[in-house]
Amino acid sequence: MSASSIPDEPIDLQFSDVLREVRWPANKDDLVEAARNAGASNEVLAILDGMPEQDYRDVASVTRLIGSNYGPGLGI
């Protein structure tokens, strides 16, 4: 998938595409960098940048936090 198409995707697909490329475990900065490199939207970058500074074990540990903080609309 080209990076140029990512910002045009629904936000849940953007997260899915970004998190698929992350090497786990990852910290918040790794997540933001992966999103930036993927060309994710500013909204996705802001959500990831607002996450707590900690190490995340896997995709599920991130999506649980995103879903609980941003509502059921982000069913990743």
C-alpha atoms as a PDB file:
ATOM      1  CA  MET A   1       0.000   0.000   0.000  1.00  0.00           C
ATOM      2  CA  SER A   2       1.360   3.400  -0.850  1.00  0.00           C
ATOM      3  CA  ALA A   3       1.780   5.955   1.900  1.00  0.00           C
ATOM      4  CA  SER A   4      -0.131   8.502  -0.152  1.00  0.00           C
ATOM      5  CA  SER A   5      -3.355   6.479   0.153  1.00  0.00           C
ATOM      6  CA  ILE A   6      -3.273   6.139   3.939  1.00  0.00           C
ATOM      7  CA  PRO A   7      -4.621   9.624   4.880  1.00  0.00           C
ATOM      8  CA  ASP A   8      -7.649   8.969   2.658  1.00  0.00           C
ATOM      9  CA  GLU A   9      -8.592   5.812   4.568  1.00  0.00           C
ATOM     10  CA  PRO A  10     -11.041   5.709   7.489  1.00  0.00           C
ATOM     11  CA  ILE A  11      -9.206   6.219  10.775  1.00  0.00           C
ATOM     12  CA  ASP A  12      -9.558   2.603  11.916  1.00  0.00           C
ATOM     13  CA  LEU A  13      -7.904   1.388   8.701  1.00  0.00           C
ATOM     14  CA  GLN A  14      -5.129   3.940   9.126  1.00  0.00           C
ATOM     15  CA  PHE A  15      -4.400   2.556  12.588  1.00  0.00           C
ATOM     16  CA  SER A  16      -4.487  -0.985  11.257  1.00  0.00           C
ATOM     17  CA  ASP A  17      -2.038  -0.151   8.463  1.00  0.00           C
ATOM     18  CA  VAL A  18       0.318   1.711  10.806  1.00  0.00           C
ATOM     19  CA  LEU A  19       0.298  -0.873  13.604  1.00  0.00           C
ATOM     20  CA  ARG A  20       0.922  -3.701  11.149  1.00  0.00           C
ATOM     21  CA  GLU A  21       4.308  -2.109  10.320  1.00  0.00           C
ATOM     22  CA  VAL A  22       5.491  -1.583  13.924  1.00  0.00           C
ATOM     23  CA  ARG A  23       8.211  -3.777  15.401  1.00  0.00           C
ATOM     24  CA  TRP A  24       7.034  -4.948  18.815  1.00  0.00           C
ATOM     25  CA  PRO A  25       7.540  -4.147  21.627  1.00  0.00           C
ATOM     26  CA  ALA A  26       7.310  -0.453  20.819  1.00  0.00           C
ATOM     27  CA  ASN A  27       7.107   2.767  22.790  1.00  0.00           C
ATOM     28  CA  LYS A  28       4.965   5.796  22.005  1.00  0.00           C
ATOM     29  CA  ASP A  29       7.724   7.438  19.948  1.00  0.00           C
ATOM     30  CA  ASP A  30       8.054   4.280  17.818  1.00  0.00           C
ATOM     31  CA  LEU A  31       4.312   4.359  17.139  1.00  0.00           C
ATOM     32  CA  VAL A  32       4.330   8.032  16.165  1.00  0.00           C
ATOM     33  CA  GLU A  33       7.358   7.515  13.925  1.00  0.00           C
ATOM     34  CA  ALA A  34       5.701   4.545  12.194  1.00  0.00           C
ATOM     35  CA  ALA A  35       2.559   6.609  11.602  1.00  0.00           C
ATOM     36  CA  ARG A  36       4.567   9.543  10.260  1.00  0.00           C
ATOM     37  CA  ASN A  37       6.568   7.251   7.950  1.00  0.00           C
ATOM     38  CA  ALA A  38       3.329   5.688   6.706  1.00  0.00           C
ATOM     39  CA  GLY A  39       1.867   9.099   5.903  1.00  0.00           C
ATOM     40  CA  ALA A  40      -0.971   8.772   8.411  1.00  0.00           C
ATOM     41  CA  SER A  41      -3.356  11.674   8.947  1.00  0.00           C
ATOM     42  CA  ASN A  42      -2.757  14.380  11.530  1.00  0.00           C
ATOM     43  CA  GLU A  43      -5.632  12.932  13.550  1.00  0.00           C
ATOM     44  CA  VAL A  44      -3.906   9.547  13.832  1.00  0.00           C
ATOM     45  CA  LEU A  45      -0.587  11.217  14.682  1.00  0.00           C
ATOM     46  CA  ALA A  46      -2.264  13.293  17.407  1.00  0.00           C
ATOM     47  CA  ILE A  47      -3.981  10.265  18.957  1.00  0.00           C
ATOM     48  CA  LEU A  48      -0.754   8.261  19.050  1.00  0.00           C
ATOM     49  CA  ASP A  49       1.215  11.239  20.350  1.00  0.00           C
ATOM     50  CA  GLY A  50      -1.321  11.618  23.158  1.00  0.00           C
ATOM     51  CA  MET A  51      -0.794   8.075  24.413  1.00  0.00           C
ATOM     52  CA  PRO A  52       1.040   7.453  27.677  1.00  0.00           C
ATOM     53  CA  GLU A  53       4.834   7.109  27.573  1.00  0.00           C
ATOM     54  CA  GLN A  54       5.296   3.379  28.023  1.00  0.00           C
ATOM     55  CA  ASP A  55       6.293   0.244  26.173  1.00  0.00           C
ATOM     56  CA  TYR A  56       3.494  -1.481  24.298  1.00  0.00           C
ATOM     57  CA  ARG A  57       3.776  -5.237  23.948  1.00  0.00           C
ATOM     58  CA  ASP A  58       1.694  -5.736  20.817  1.00  0.00           C
ATOM     59  CA  VAL A  59      -1.063  -4.381  18.584  1.00  0.00           C
ATOM     60  CA  ALA A  60      -3.759  -5.398  21.078  1.00  0.00           C
ATOM     61  CA  SER A  61      -2.191  -3.342  23.884  1.00  0.00           C
ATOM     62  CA  VAL A  62      -2.404  -0.240  21.698  1.00  0.00           C
ATOM     63  CA  THR A  63      -5.860  -0.862  20.270  1.00  0.00           C
ATOM     64  CA  ARG A  64      -7.329  -1.505  23.737  1.00  0.00           C
ATOM     65  CA  LEU A  65      -6.060   1.873  24.894  1.00  0.00           C
ATOM     66  CA  ILE A  66      -7.137   3.694  21.742  1.00  0.00           C
ATOM     67  CA  GLY A  67     -10.589   2.109  21.835  1.00  0.00           C
ATOM     68  CA  SER A  68     -11.131   2.849  25.523  1.00  0.00           C
ATOM     69  CA  ASN A  69      -9.998   6.466  25.186  1.00  0.00           C
ATOM     70  CA  TYR A  70     -11.647   7.339  21.897  1.00  0.00           C
ATOM     71  CA  GLY A  71     -14.873   5.388  21.965  1.00  0.00           C
ATOM     72  CA  PRO A  72     -16.390   2.480  20.094  1.00  0.00           C
ATOM     73  CA  GLY A  73     -15.949   4.141  16.693  1.00  0.00           C
ATOM     74  CA  LEU A  74     -12.379   2.880  16.615  1.00  0.00           C
ATOM     75  CA  GLY A  75     -13.084  -0.804  16.396  1.00  0.00           C
ATOM     76  CA  ILE A  76      -9.648  -1.727  15.123  1.00  0.00           C
END
